[in-house]
Amino acid sequence: MEIKVLESIFGANDALAVENARLFKEKSLFAVNLMASPGAGKTSFILKTAERLKEHYQTAVIEGDVASSVDTETMRAHGIQAVQINTGGACHLEANMVKMAIERLDLDATDLLVIENVGNLVCTADFTLGESARVVILSVPEGDDKPLKYPPIFRDASVLIINKIDAMPIFDFSMERLRDTMQQLNPSATIIPLSCKTEEGFDEWIAWLAERVKGTVGNE
């Protein structure tokens, strides 16, 4: 009986995710489902990304949190269109939440939609939202063993961002071990080490993203 309930939940979510994806395609925007642990640097990463792209592309953000609107207020203070989803205790976003949120955004003025998922590495991986790509951030202080402990979220990622590489000298983080693990889990994932603090490595991320946003916008 429990399995049937779960199948029903996932089936309903997947159907709404297809609707979201269809709308994103109609509006010619690229949607990123951004996932990470709390403290991995998601908000700083989004701000840097929007700043780097703003000359050519407009970014909008959906912020998913259990409570508060701190990150949404930060985005708006930087001139970024943003809307808040408070899950009230749920540890992930679902497609119906995103569907309601995008009704409050001007998608005609959006080229890149970043959906900042609730901070955790477990259940966020189970729910598709209609995204164009899944991007996971792992920060150096969290350790290189996280893909071994939480494989689903890393197995489905299009891009794995290794953030806070400026802290590498003070943590026992092996990029070689991480790449070996990812080669087993998800060899097609693009791995990009960078630092939101120093912006080292950010050019590679922007090049990856801009190519895809350009390809989406160009399909109008």
Foldseek 3Di string as FASTA:
>chain_A
DVVVVVVVVQVVLVVLLQVVLVVCLVLLAAEEEEAAAPPLCPLLVVLVLQVVCVVPFAEAEEEEELDDCVSVVVCVVVVHHYDYDHPVPDQWDTQVSVVVGCVPPDSNRHLYYYYHIHHDLECNLSHRRNHPFYEYEDEVVVELCVCVVRVSSLLRHQEYEYEDVVCVVPGPHDPVVNLVSCCVRHVNHHYFYAYSVVRVRVVVVSVVVVVVSCVSNVVD
